[in-house]
PDB file of N, CA and C in Angstrom:
ATOM      1  N   MET A   1     137.936 206.732  95.612  1.00  0.00           N
ATOM      2  CA  MET A   1     138.091 205.906  95.994  1.00  0.00           C
ATOM      3  C   MET A   1     139.211 204.740  96.362  1.00  0.00           C
ATOM      4  N   GLN A   2     138.908 204.166  98.194  1.00  0.00           N
ATOM      5  CA  GLN A   2     140.396 203.786  98.516  1.00  0.00           C
ATOM      6  C   GLN A   2     139.851 202.383  99.481  1.00  0.00           C
ATOM      7  N   PHE A   3     140.483 201.570  99.389  1.00  0.00           N
ATOM      8  CA  PHE A   3     139.871 200.529  99.782  1.00  0.00           C
ATOM      9  C   PHE A   3     141.259 200.352 101.340  1.00  0.00           C
ATOM     10  N   SER A   4     141.087 200.071 102.426  1.00  0.00           N
ATOM     11  CA  SER A   4     141.430 199.977 103.583  1.00  0.00           C
ATOM     12  C   SER A   4     142.180 198.348 103.792  1.00  0.00           C
ATOM     13  N   GLN A   5     142.758 198.185 105.158  1.00  0.00           N
ATOM     14  CA  GLN A   5     142.993 197.068 105.899  1.00  0.00           C
ATOM     15  C   GLN A   5     142.173 196.432 105.328  1.00  0.00           C
ATOM     16  N   VAL A   6     142.528 194.636 106.012  1.00  0.00           N
ATOM     17  CA  VAL A   6     141.743 193.678 105.516  1.00  0.00           C
ATOM     18  C   VAL A   6     141.780 192.748 107.277  1.00  0.00           C
ATOM     19  N   THR A   7     140.975 192.550 107.706  1.00  0.00           N
ATOM     20  CA  THR A   7     140.777 191.980 108.927  1.00  0.00           C
ATOM     21  C   THR A   7     140.040 190.482 108.453  1.00  0.00           C
ATOM     22  N   PRO A   8     141.011 189.383 108.209  1.00  0.00           N
ATOM     23  CA  PRO A   8     140.618 187.790 108.783  1.00  0.00           C
ATOM     24  C   PRO A   8     139.439 187.941 109.426  1.00  0.00           C
ATOM     25  N   ILE A   9     138.991 186.768 109.445  1.00  0.00           N
ATOM     26  CA  ILE A   9     138.112 186.263 110.944  1.00  0.00           C
ATOM     27  C   ILE A   9     138.315 185.024 110.651  1.00  0.00           C
ATOM     28  N   LEU A  10     138.930 184.196 111.493  1.00  0.00           N
ATOM     29  CA  LEU A  10     139.392 182.003 111.700  1.00  0.00           C
ATOM     30  C   LEU A  10     139.046 182.124 112.715  1.00  0.00           C
ATOM     31  N   ARG A  11     137.674 180.818 112.275  1.00  0.00           N
ATOM     32  CA  ARG A  11     137.185 180.228 113.123  1.00  0.00           C
ATOM     33  C   ARG A  11     138.201 179.231 114.300  1.00  0.00           C
ATOM     34  N   ILE A  12     137.641 179.195 115.110  1.00  0.00           N
ATOM     35  CA  ILE A  12     138.383 178.235 116.390  1.00  0.00           C
ATOM     36  C   ILE A  12     137.135 177.827 117.404  1.00  0.00           C
ATOM     37  N   PHE A  13     137.894 176.627 118.218  1.00  0.00           N
ATOM     38  CA  PHE A  13     137.342 176.446 118.616  1.00  0.00           C
ATOM     39  C   PHE A  13     137.727 175.551 119.864  1.00  0.00           C
ATOM     40  N   ASP A  14     138.858 175.906 119.920  1.00  0.00           N
ATOM     41  CA  ASP A  14     139.126 175.647 121.603  1.00  0.00           C
ATOM     42  C   ASP A  14     140.342 177.476 122.247  1.00  0.00           C
ATOM     43  N   VAL A  15     139.593 177.781 123.307  1.00  0.00           N
ATOM     44  CA  VAL A  15     140.093 179.060 123.486  1.00  0.00           C
ATOM     45  C   VAL A  15     141.617 178.925 124.037  1.00  0.00           C
ATOM     46  N   GLU A  16     141.804 178.016 124.986  1.00  0.00           N
ATOM     47  CA  GLU A  16     143.212 177.881 125.540  1.00  0.00           C
ATOM     48  C   GLU A  16     144.074 177.329 124.165  1.00  0.00           C
ATOM     49  N   LYS A  17     143.900 176.870 123.337  1.00  0.00           N
ATOM     50  CA  LYS A  17     144.666 176.207 122.090  1.00  0.00           C
ATOM     51  C   LYS A  17     144.727 177.295 121.224  1.00  0.00           C
ATOM     52  N   ALA A  18     144.079 178.325 121.121  1.00  0.00           N
ATOM     53  CA  ALA A  18     144.316 179.629 120.212  1.00  0.00           C
ATOM     54  C   ALA A  18     145.190 179.761 121.112  1.00  0.00           C
ATOM     55  N   GLY A  19     145.370 180.248 122.035  1.00  0.00           N
ATOM     56  CA  GLY A  19     145.711 181.654 123.164  1.00  0.00           C
ATOM     57  C   GLY A  19     147.571 180.463 122.867  1.00  0.00           C
ATOM     58  N   GLU A  20     147.625 179.831 123.002  1.00  0.00           N
ATOM     59  CA  GLU A  20     148.986 178.678 122.694  1.00  0.00           C
ATOM     60  C   GLU A  20     149.634 179.195 122.178  1.00  0.00           C
ATOM     61  N   PHE A  21     148.802 178.862 120.463  1.00  0.00           N
ATOM     62  CA  PHE A  21     149.366 178.983 119.199  1.00  0.00           C
ATOM     63  C   PHE A  21     149.794 180.421 118.619  1.00  0.00           C
ATOM     64  N   TYR A  22     148.702 181.186 119.190  1.00  0.00           N
ATOM     65  CA  TYR A  22     148.611 182.711 118.315  1.00  0.00           C
ATOM     66  C   TYR A  22     149.422 183.861 119.565  1.00  0.00           C
ATOM     67  N   THR A  23     149.287 183.779 120.374  1.00  0.00           N
ATOM     68  CA  THR A  23     149.825 184.117 121.853  1.00  0.00           C
ATOM     69  C   THR A  23     151.411 184.014 121.461  1.00  0.00           C
ATOM     70  N   GLY A  24     151.458 182.584 122.204  1.00  0.00           N
ATOM     71  CA  GLY A  24     152.724 181.257 122.692  1.00  0.00           C
ATOM     72  C   GLY A  24     153.670 181.204 121.973  1.00  0.00           C
ATOM     73  N   PHE A  25     152.900 181.003 120.123  1.00  0.00           N
ATOM     74  CA  PHE A  25     154.114 180.565 119.818  1.00  0.00           C
ATOM     75  C   PHE A  25     154.135 181.563 118.300  1.00  0.00           C
ATOM     76  N   LEU A  26     153.065 181.774 117.615  1.00  0.00           N
ATOM     77  CA  LEU A  26     153.317 183.330 116.382  1.00  0.00           C
ATOM     78  C   LEU A  26     153.762 184.790 117.737  1.00  0.00           C
ATOM     79  N   GLY A  27     153.393 184.933 119.224  1.00  0.00           N
ATOM     80  CA  GLY A  27     153.914 186.279 119.265  1.00  0.00           C
ATOM     81  C   GLY A  27     152.985 187.225 119.687  1.00  0.00           C
ATOM     82  N   PHE A  28     151.992 187.090 118.766  1.00  0.00           N
ATOM     83  CA  PHE A  28     150.145 187.826 118.488  1.00  0.00           C
ATOM     84  C   PHE A  28     150.189 188.299 120.045  1.00  0.00           C
ATOM     85  N   THR A  29     149.430 189.610 120.317  1.00  0.00           N
ATOM     86  CA  THR A  29     149.152 190.253 121.553  1.00  0.00           C
ATOM     87  C   THR A  29     147.768 190.427 121.624  1.00  0.00           C
ATOM     88  N   ILE A  30     146.813 189.574 122.283  1.00  0.00           N
ATOM     89  CA  ILE A  30     144.901 189.580 122.272  1.00  0.00           C
ATOM     90  C   ILE A  30     144.964 191.165 122.454  1.00  0.00           C
ATOM     91  N   ASP A  31     144.378 191.660 122.057  1.00  0.00           N
ATOM     92  CA  ASP A  31     143.928 193.643 121.575  1.00  0.00           C
ATOM     93  C   ASP A  31     142.833 193.600 122.409  1.00  0.00           C
ATOM     94  N   TRP A  32     141.342 192.721 122.746  1.00  0.00           N
ATOM     95  CA  TRP A  32     140.405 192.477 123.172  1.00  0.00           C
ATOM     96  C   TRP A  32     139.646 191.169 123.116  1.00  0.00           C
ATOM     97  N   GLU A  33     138.558 191.393 123.897  1.00  0.00           N
ATOM     98  CA  GLU A  33     138.213 190.025 123.543  1.00  0.00           C
ATOM     99  C   GLU A  33     136.294 190.232 124.183  1.00  0.00           C
ATOM    100  N   HIS A  34     135.727 189.357 123.532  1.00  0.00           N
ATOM    101  CA  HIS A  34     134.110 189.714 123.961  1.00  0.00           C
ATOM    102  C   HIS A  34     133.555 188.635 123.901  1.00  0.00           C
ATOM    103  N   ARG A  35     132.332 188.884 124.779  1.00  0.00           N
ATOM    104  CA  ARG A  35     131.745 187.577 125.027  1.00  0.00           C
ATOM    105  C   ARG A  35     129.947 188.206 125.307  1.00  0.00           C
ATOM    106  N   PHE A  36     128.703 187.874 124.578  1.00  0.00           N
ATOM    107  CA  PHE A  36     127.725 188.444 124.772  1.00  0.00           C
ATOM    108  C   PHE A  36     127.374 188.231 126.481  1.00  0.00           C
ATOM    109  N   GLU A  37     128.098 187.234 126.617  1.00  0.00           N
ATOM    110  CA  GLU A  37     127.234 186.755 128.704  1.00  0.00           C
ATOM    111  C   GLU A  37     128.486 185.510 128.391  1.00  0.00           C
ATOM    112  N   GLU A  38     128.714 185.163 129.924  1.00  0.00           N
ATOM    113  CA  GLU A  38     129.667 184.158 130.360  1.00  0.00           C
ATOM    114  C   GLU A  38     128.875 182.850 129.964  1.00  0.00           C
ATOM    115  N   ASN A  39     129.871 182.009 129.574  1.00  0.00           N
ATOM    116  CA  ASN A  39     129.702 180.587 128.404  1.00  0.00           C
ATOM    117  C   ASN A  39     128.887 180.952 127.230  1.00  0.00           C
ATOM    118  N   PHE A  40     129.459 182.318 126.542  1.00  0.00           N
ATOM    119  CA  PHE A  40     128.567 182.162 125.169  1.00  0.00           C
ATOM    120  C   PHE A  40     130.143 182.128 124.228  1.00  0.00           C
ATOM    121  N   PRO A  41     130.431 182.607 123.593  1.00  0.00           N
ATOM    122  CA  PRO A  41     131.410 182.137 122.044  1.00  0.00           C
ATOM    123  C   PRO A  41     132.345 183.103 122.465  1.00  0.00           C
ATOM    124  N   LEU A  42     133.478 182.859 122.342  1.00  0.00           N
ATOM    125  CA  LEU A  42     134.151 184.262 122.431  1.00  0.00           C
ATOM    126  C   LEU A  42     134.649 184.450 120.882  1.00  0.00           C
ATOM    127  N   TYR A  43     134.419 185.758 120.826  1.00  0.00           N
ATOM    128  CA  TYR A  43     135.188 186.699 119.556  1.00  0.00           C
ATOM    129  C   TYR A  43     136.373 187.662 119.977  1.00  0.00           C
ATOM    130  N   MET A  44     137.534 187.495 119.270  1.00  0.00           N
ATOM    131  CA  MET A  44     138.441 188.296 119.898  1.00  0.00           C
ATOM    132  C   MET A  44     139.438 189.253 118.569  1.00  0.00           C
ATOM    133  N   GLN A  45     140.331 189.735 119.002  1.00  0.00           N
ATOM    134  CA  GLN A  45     140.783 190.803 118.135  1.00  0.00           C
ATOM    135  C   GLN A  45     142.397 190.106 118.584  1.00  0.00           C
ATOM    136  N   LEU A  46     143.136 190.348 118.100  1.00  0.00           N
ATOM    137  CA  LEU A  46     144.789 189.850 117.642  1.00  0.00           C
ATOM    138  C   LEU A  46     145.655 190.618 117.264  1.00  0.00           C
ATOM    139  N   SER A  47     146.486 190.511 117.832  1.00  0.00           N
ATOM    140  CA  SER A  47     147.612 191.849 116.455  1.00  0.00           C
ATOM    141  C   SER A  47     149.378 191.888 116.884  1.00  0.00           C
ATOM    142  N   ARG A  48     150.546 191.902 115.856  1.00  0.00           N
ATOM    143  CA  ARG A  48     151.041 191.813 116.416  1.00  0.00           C
ATOM    144  C   ARG A  48     151.337 193.185 114.628  1.00  0.00           C
ATOM    145  N   ASP A  49     152.264 193.813 115.412  1.00  0.00           N
ATOM    146  CA  ASP A  49     152.603 194.862 114.517  1.00  0.00           C
ATOM    147  C   ASP A  49     151.366 195.629 113.610  1.00  0.00           C
ATOM    148  N   GLY A  50     151.905 195.517 112.134  1.00  0.00           N
ATOM    149  CA  GLY A  50     150.915 195.931 111.908  1.00  0.00           C
ATOM    150  C   GLY A  50     149.264 195.298 111.020  1.00  0.00           C
ATOM    151  N   CYS A  51     149.566 193.680 111.515  1.00  0.00           N
ATOM    152  CA  CYS A  51     149.065 192.508 111.437  1.00  0.00           C
ATOM    153  C   CYS A  51     147.586 192.368 112.457  1.00  0.00           C
ATOM    154  N   VAL A  52     146.637 192.385 112.137  1.00  0.00           N
ATOM    155  CA  VAL A  52     145.364 192.277 112.708  1.00  0.00           C
ATOM    156  C   VAL A  52     144.845 190.911 112.256  1.00  0.00           C
ATOM    157  N   LEU A  53     144.089 190.065 113.463  1.00  0.00           N
ATOM    158  CA  LEU A  53     143.637 188.949 113.424  1.00  0.00           C
ATOM    159  C   LEU A  53     142.085 188.916 114.270  1.00  0.00           C
ATOM    160  N   HIS A  54     141.251 188.905 113.512  1.00  0.00           N
ATOM    161  CA  HIS A  54     139.973 188.533 114.347  1.00  0.00           C
ATOM    162  C   HIS A  54     139.539 186.745 114.504  1.00  0.00           C
ATOM    163  N   LEU A  55     139.708 186.254 116.097  1.00  0.00           N
ATOM    164  CA  LEU A  55     139.497 185.021 115.759  1.00  0.00           C
ATOM    165  C   LEU A  55     137.992 184.460 116.927  1.00  0.00           C
ATOM    166  N   SER A  56     137.250 183.487 115.810  1.00  0.00           N
ATOM    167  CA  SER A  56     136.045 183.514 116.439  1.00  0.00           C
ATOM    168  C   SER A  56     135.399 182.227 116.611  1.00  0.00           C
ATOM    169  N   GLU A  57     135.111 182.040 117.830  1.00  0.00           N
ATOM    170  CA  GLU A  57     133.690 180.796 118.451  1.00  0.00           C
ATOM    171  C   GLU A  57     132.362 180.486 117.940  1.00  0.00           C
ATOM    172  N   HIS A  58     131.826 181.731 117.351  1.00  0.00           N
ATOM    173  CA  HIS A  58     130.849 181.443 116.537  1.00  0.00           C
ATOM    174  C   HIS A  58     130.362 180.705 115.350  1.00  0.00           C
ATOM    175  N   HIS A  59     129.794 179.914 115.120  1.00  0.00           N
ATOM    176  CA  HIS A  59     129.787 179.162 113.777  1.00  0.00           C
ATOM    177  C   HIS A  59     129.154 179.603 112.935  1.00  0.00           C
ATOM    178  N   GLY A  60     128.554 180.745 113.047  1.00  0.00           N
ATOM    179  CA  GLY A  60     127.741 181.930 111.857  1.00  0.00           C
ATOM    180  C   GLY A  60     129.074 182.536 111.119  1.00  0.00           C
ATOM    181  N   ASP A  61     130.244 183.127 111.846  1.00  0.00           N
ATOM    182  CA  ASP A  61     131.114 183.972 111.337  1.00  0.00           C
ATOM    183  C   ASP A  61     131.911 183.408 109.666  1.00  0.00           C
ATOM    184  N   CYS A  62     132.537 182.650 110.354  1.00  0.00           N
ATOM    185  CA  CYS A  62     133.119 181.785 109.194  1.00  0.00           C
ATOM    186  C   CYS A  62     133.508 179.763 109.333  1.00  0.00           C
ATOM    187  N   SER A  63     133.854 179.704 108.251  1.00  0.00           N
ATOM    188  CA  SER A  63     134.311 178.573 108.352  1.00  0.00           C
ATOM    189  C   SER A  63     136.104 177.971 108.804  1.00  0.00           C
ATOM    190  N   PRO A  64     136.279 177.235 109.265  1.00  0.00           N
ATOM    191  CA  PRO A  64     137.624 176.496 109.507  1.00  0.00           C
ATOM    192  C   PRO A  64     138.032 175.933 108.203  1.00  0.00           C
ATOM    193  N   GLY A  65     139.219 176.297 107.748  1.00  0.00           N
ATOM    194  CA  GLY A  65     140.091 175.819 106.952  1.00  0.00           C
ATOM    195  C   GLY A  65     140.611 176.973 106.042  1.00  0.00           C
ATOM    196  N   ALA A  66     140.777 178.330 106.484  1.00  0.00           N
ATOM    197  CA  ALA A  66     140.707 179.658 105.871  1.00  0.00           C
ATOM    198  C   ALA A  66     142.049 179.428 105.696  1.00  0.00           C
ATOM    199  N   ALA A  67     142.949 179.894 104.754  1.00  0.00           N
ATOM    200  CA  ALA A  67     144.119 180.505 104.276  1.00  0.00           C
ATOM    201  C   ALA A  67     144.486 182.505 104.428  1.00  0.00           C
ATOM    202  N   VAL A  68     145.080 182.415 104.743  1.00  0.00           N
ATOM    203  CA  VAL A  68     146.013 184.175 105.021  1.00  0.00           C
ATOM    204  C   VAL A  68     147.457 184.066 104.446  1.00  0.00           C
ATOM    205  N   ARG A  69     147.136 185.334 103.452  1.00  0.00           N
ATOM    206  CA  ARG A  69     148.920 185.724 103.010  1.00  0.00           C
ATOM    207  C   ARG A  69     149.122 187.019 103.991  1.00  0.00           C
ATOM    208  N   ILE A  70     150.208 186.681 104.824  1.00  0.00           N
ATOM    209  CA  ILE A  70     150.592 187.939 105.791  1.00  0.00           C
ATOM    210  C   ILE A  70     151.874 188.725 105.283  1.00  0.00           C
ATOM    211  N   ALA A  71     152.265 189.899 104.294  1.00  0.00           N
ATOM    212  CA  ALA A  71     152.970 190.197 104.213  1.00  0.00           C
ATOM    213  C   ALA A  71     153.922 190.769 105.052  1.00  0.00           C
ATOM    214  N   THR A  72     155.258 190.010 105.374  1.00  0.00           N
ATOM    215  CA  THR A  72     156.217 190.508 106.785  1.00  0.00           C
ATOM    216  C   THR A  72     158.001 190.450 105.691  1.00  0.00           C
ATOM    217  N   SER A  73     157.815 191.313 106.612  1.00  0.00           N
ATOM    218  CA  SER A  73     159.220 191.797 106.604  1.00  0.00           C
ATOM    219  C   SER A  73     160.691 190.990 107.926  1.00  0.00           C
ATOM    220  N   GLY A  74     161.528 190.752 107.296  1.00  0.00           N
ATOM    221  CA  GLY A  74     162.161 189.861 108.279  1.00  0.00           C
ATOM    222  C   GLY A  74     161.730 188.455 108.407  1.00  0.00           C
ATOM    223  N   LEU A  75     161.396 187.882 107.108  1.00  0.00           N
ATOM    224  CA  LEU A  75     161.049 186.417 107.515  1.00  0.00           C
ATOM    225  C   LEU A  75     162.465 185.867 107.982  1.00  0.00           C
ATOM    226  N   GLU A  76     163.129 185.714 108.129  1.00  0.00           N
ATOM    227  CA  GLU A  76     164.073 185.053 108.202  1.00  0.00           C
ATOM    228  C   GLU A  76     164.242 184.820 109.821  1.00  0.00           C
ATOM    229  N   GLU A  77     164.101 186.175 110.539  1.00  0.00           N
ATOM    230  CA  GLU A  77     164.480 186.823 112.276  1.00  0.00           C
ATOM    231  C   GLU A  77     162.804 186.025 112.151  1.00  0.00           C
ATOM    232  N   PHE A  78     161.748 185.989 111.738  1.00  0.00           N
ATOM    233  CA  PHE A  78     160.691 185.384 112.599  1.00  0.00           C
ATOM    234  C   PHE A  78     160.695 183.943 112.625  1.00  0.00           C
ATOM    235  N   HIS A  79     161.175 183.497 111.597  1.00  0.00           N
ATOM    236  CA  HIS A  79     161.705 181.902 111.416  1.00  0.00           C
ATOM    237  C   HIS A  79     162.236 181.493 112.515  1.00  0.00           C
ATOM    238  N   ALA A  80     163.368 182.248 113.026  1.00  0.00           N
ATOM    239  CA  ALA A  80     164.178 182.067 113.715  1.00  0.00           C
ATOM    240  C   ALA A  80     163.892 181.780 115.179  1.00  0.00           C
ATOM    241  N   GLU A  81     162.927 182.905 115.339  1.00  0.00           N
ATOM    242  CA  GLU A  81     161.882 183.062 116.661  1.00  0.00           C
ATOM    243  C   GLU A  81     161.164 181.657 116.969  1.00  0.00           C
ATOM    244  N   LEU A  82     160.691 182.023 116.052  1.00  0.00           N
ATOM    245  CA  LEU A  82     159.732 180.071 116.094  1.00  0.00           C
ATOM    246  C   LEU A  82     160.513 178.912 116.242  1.00  0.00           C
ATOM    247  N   THR A  83     161.558 178.654 115.185  1.00  0.00           N
ATOM    248  CA  THR A  83     162.180 177.638 115.877  1.00  0.00           C
ATOM    249  C   THR A  83     163.065 177.797 117.374  1.00  0.00           C
ATOM    250  N   ALA A  84     163.420 179.137 117.644  1.00  0.00           N
ATOM    251  CA  ALA A  84     163.636 179.351 118.542  1.00  0.00           C
ATOM    252  C   ALA A  84     162.763 178.034 120.153  1.00  0.00           C
ATOM    253  N   LYS A  85     161.759 178.684 119.900  1.00  0.00           N
ATOM    254  CA  LYS A  85     160.250 178.298 120.970  1.00  0.00           C
ATOM    255  C   LYS A  85     160.293 176.845 120.614  1.00  0.00           C
ATOM    256  N   ASN A  86     160.678 175.927 119.661  1.00  0.00           N
ATOM    257  CA  ASN A  86     160.790 174.793 119.438  1.00  0.00           C
ATOM    258  C   ASN A  86     159.613 174.246 120.081  1.00  0.00           C
ATOM    259  N   TYR A  87     158.738 175.153 119.654  1.00  0.00           N
ATOM    260  CA  TYR A  87     157.015 174.343 119.483  1.00  0.00           C
ATOM    261  C   TYR A  87     156.669 173.250 119.210  1.00  0.00           C
ATOM    262  N   ARG A  88     155.952 172.292 119.640  1.00  0.00           N
ATOM    263  CA  ARG A  88     155.849 170.842 120.129  1.00  0.00           C
ATOM    264  C   ARG A  88     154.998 170.372 118.495  1.00  0.00           C
ATOM    265  N   TYR A  89     154.173 171.276 117.876  1.00  0.00           N
ATOM    266  CA  TYR A  89     153.262 171.090 116.867  1.00  0.00           C
ATOM    267  C   TYR A  89     153.744 171.659 115.183  1.00  0.00           C
ATOM    268  N   MET A  90     154.184 172.279 115.718  1.00  0.00           N
ATOM    269  CA  MET A  90     154.771 173.077 114.383  1.00  0.00           C
ATOM    270  C   MET A  90     156.582 174.015 114.255  1.00  0.00           C
ATOM    271  N   LYS A  91     156.763 172.940 113.298  1.00  0.00           N
ATOM    272  CA  LYS A  91     158.366 173.218 112.693  1.00  0.00           C
ATOM    273  C   LYS A  91     158.688 173.723 111.252  1.00  0.00           C
ATOM    274  N   PRO A  92     157.789 174.879 111.219  1.00  0.00           N
ATOM    275  CA  PRO A  92     157.565 175.672 109.922  1.00  0.00           C
ATOM    276  C   PRO A  92     158.809 175.623 109.404  1.00  0.00           C
ATOM    277  N   GLY A  93     158.967 175.698 107.739  1.00  0.00           N
ATOM    278  CA  GLY A  93     160.303 176.095 107.497  1.00  0.00           C
ATOM    279  C   GLY A  93     160.096 177.212 106.065  1.00  0.00           C
ATOM    280  N   ILE A  94     161.471 177.455 105.326  1.00  0.00           N
ATOM    281  CA  ILE A  94     160.535 178.732 104.658  1.00  0.00           C
ATOM    282  C   ILE A  94     160.972 178.647 103.089  1.00  0.00           C
ATOM    283  N   GLU A  95     160.375 178.854 102.386  1.00  0.00           N
ATOM    284  CA  GLU A  95     159.956 177.709 100.870  1.00  0.00           C
ATOM    285  C   GLU A  95     160.003 179.125  99.838  1.00  0.00           C
ATOM    286  N   SER A  96     161.239 178.938  98.399  1.00  0.00           N
ATOM    287  CA  SER A  96     161.049 179.689  97.828  1.00  0.00           C
ATOM    288  C   SER A  96     160.190 179.489  96.844  1.00  0.00           C
ATOM    289  N   THR A  97     159.634 180.284  95.896  1.00  0.00           N
ATOM    290  CA  THR A  97     158.380 180.075  95.235  1.00  0.00           C
ATOM    291  C   THR A  97     159.026 180.325  93.699  1.00  0.00           C
ATOM    292  N   PRO A  98     158.552 180.096  92.436  1.00  0.00           N
ATOM    293  CA  PRO A  98     158.839 180.191  91.435  1.00  0.00           C
ATOM    294  C   PRO A  98     158.148 181.587  91.275  1.00  0.00           C
ATOM    295  N   TRP A  99     157.604 182.676  91.756  1.00  0.00           N
ATOM    296  CA  TRP A  99     156.870 183.588  91.248  1.00  0.00           C
ATOM    297  C   TRP A  99     157.797 184.747  92.249  1.00  0.00           C
ATOM    298  N   GLY A 100     159.002 184.520  92.788  1.00  0.00           N
ATOM    299  CA  GLY A 100     159.720 185.332  93.137  1.00  0.00           C
ATOM    300  C   GLY A 100     159.661 185.750  94.646  1.00  0.00           C
ATOM    301  N   THR A 101     158.938 185.049  95.708  1.00  0.00           N
ATOM    302  CA  THR A 101     158.443 185.188  97.045  1.00  0.00           C
ATOM    303  C   THR A 101     159.469 184.201  97.730  1.00  0.00           C
ATOM    304  N   ARG A 102     159.507 184.549  99.335  1.00  0.00           N
ATOM    305  CA  ARG A 102     159.836 183.927 100.265  1.00  0.00           C
ATOM    306  C   ARG A 102     159.110 183.294 100.640  1.00  0.00           C
ATOM    307  N   GLU A 103     157.897 182.126 101.371  1.00  0.00           N
ATOM    308  CA  GLU A 103     157.153 182.153 101.956  1.00  0.00           C
ATOM    309  C   GLU A 103     157.317 181.117 102.952  1.00  0.00           C
ATOM    310  N   MET A 104     157.062 181.146 104.533  1.00  0.00           N
ATOM    311  CA  MET A 104     156.782 180.287 105.591  1.00  0.00           C
ATOM    312  C   MET A 104     155.081 180.341 106.215  1.00  0.00           C
ATOM    313  N   ALA A 105     154.621 178.785 106.050  1.00  0.00           N
ATOM    314  CA  ALA A 105     153.765 178.451 106.227  1.00  0.00           C
ATOM    315  C   ALA A 105     152.670 177.689 107.228  1.00  0.00           C
ATOM    316  N   VAL A 106     152.383 177.839 108.007  1.00  0.00           N
ATOM    317  CA  VAL A 106     151.729 177.493 109.127  1.00  0.00           C
ATOM    318  C   VAL A 106     150.657 176.905 109.687  1.00  0.00           C
ATOM    319  N   ARG A 107     149.934 176.168 110.173  1.00  0.00           N
ATOM    320  CA  ARG A 107     148.532 175.791 110.288  1.00  0.00           C
ATOM    321  C   ARG A 107     148.155 175.845 112.098  1.00  0.00           C
ATOM    322  N   ASP A 108     146.743 176.551 111.986  1.00  0.00           N
ATOM    323  CA  ASP A 108     146.525 176.238 113.207  1.00  0.00           C
ATOM    324  C   ASP A 108     146.390 175.249 113.507  1.00  0.00           C
ATOM    325  N   PRO A 109     145.749 174.829 115.014  1.00  0.00           N
ATOM    326  CA  PRO A 109     144.746 173.787 115.611  1.00  0.00           C
ATOM    327  C   PRO A 109     143.605 173.758 115.058  1.00  0.00           C
ATOM    328  N   PHE A 110     143.138 174.332 114.268  1.00  0.00           N
ATOM    329  CA  PHE A 110     141.959 174.454 113.752  1.00  0.00           C
ATOM    330  C   PHE A 110     141.416 173.914 112.130  1.00  0.00           C
ATOM    331  N   GLY A 111     143.360 173.879 111.397  1.00  0.00           N
ATOM    332  CA  GLY A 111     142.992 173.913 110.128  1.00  0.00           C
ATOM    333  C   GLY A 111     143.152 175.200 109.297  1.00  0.00           C
ATOM    334  N   ASN A 112     143.106 176.763 110.040  1.00  0.00           N
ATOM    335  CA  ASN A 112     143.116 177.146 109.478  1.00  0.00           C
ATOM    336  C   ASN A 112     144.799 177.784 109.155  1.00  0.00           C
ATOM    337  N   ARG A 113     145.340 177.801 107.928  1.00  0.00           N
ATOM    338  CA  ARG A 113     146.781 178.207 107.305  1.00  0.00           C
ATOM    339  C   ARG A 113     147.199 180.165 107.376  1.00  0.00           C
ATOM    340  N   LEU A 114     147.912 180.132 107.583  1.00  0.00           N
ATOM    341  CA  LEU A 114     148.731 180.819 108.019  1.00  0.00           C
ATOM    342  C   LEU A 114     150.096 181.602 106.567  1.00  0.00           C
ATOM    343  N   VAL A 115     149.544 182.454 105.439  1.00  0.00           N
ATOM    344  CA  VAL A 115     151.362 182.308 105.082  1.00  0.00           C
ATOM    345  C   VAL A 115     151.785 184.060 105.361  1.00  0.00           C
ATOM    346  N   PHE A 116     153.342 183.456 105.549  1.00  0.00           N
ATOM    347  CA  PHE A 116     153.949 184.415 106.198  1.00  0.00           C
ATOM    348  C   PHE A 116     154.694 184.774 104.589  1.00  0.00           C
ATOM    349  N   ILE A 117     154.675 186.119 103.893  1.00  0.00           N
ATOM    350  CA  ILE A 117     155.710 186.230 102.977  1.00  0.00           C
ATOM    351  C   ILE A 117     156.137 187.298 103.075  1.00  0.00           C
ATOM    352  N   SER A 118     157.573 186.822 102.071  1.00  0.00           N
ATOM    353  CA  SER A 118     158.492 188.491 102.008  1.00  0.00           C
ATOM    354  C   SER A 118     159.054 188.688 100.319  1.00  0.00           C
ATOM    355  N   ASP A 119     159.102 189.445  99.950  1.00  0.00           N
ATOM    356  CA  ASP A 119     159.606 189.776  98.522  1.00  0.00           C
ATOM    357  C   ASP A 119     161.129 189.401  98.247  1.00  0.00           C
ATOM    358  N   ASN A 120     162.026 189.557  99.413  1.00  0.00           N
ATOM    359  CA  ASN A 120     163.268 189.604  99.349  1.00  0.00           C
ATOM    360  C   ASN A 120     164.024 187.979  99.581  1.00  0.00           C
TER     361      ASN A 120
END
């Protein structure tokens, strides 16, 4: 038996704000979008390198306020990239943890927390 990649689903309430945060600030790419019909909730996939996230406006898919830990190589470079963007709503820092990781946490506009972690 073998398990593979986990794809978290994060609740969003505003497509424009989600785009500003996930593509504009974090640098993810939209892989695809789906609506059952025009004026229906959006379900979409974003990715950056090996990280894949699903975002959903559907109320039954998930609850806002989720937390996701994302293993990241080059955490300092990613932090520098985000800092250079001078994003109005987020100025993340890197913290060293007692369990030996370095972590940078960000919250999306919907209360979901993404923690980018590095072992070095």
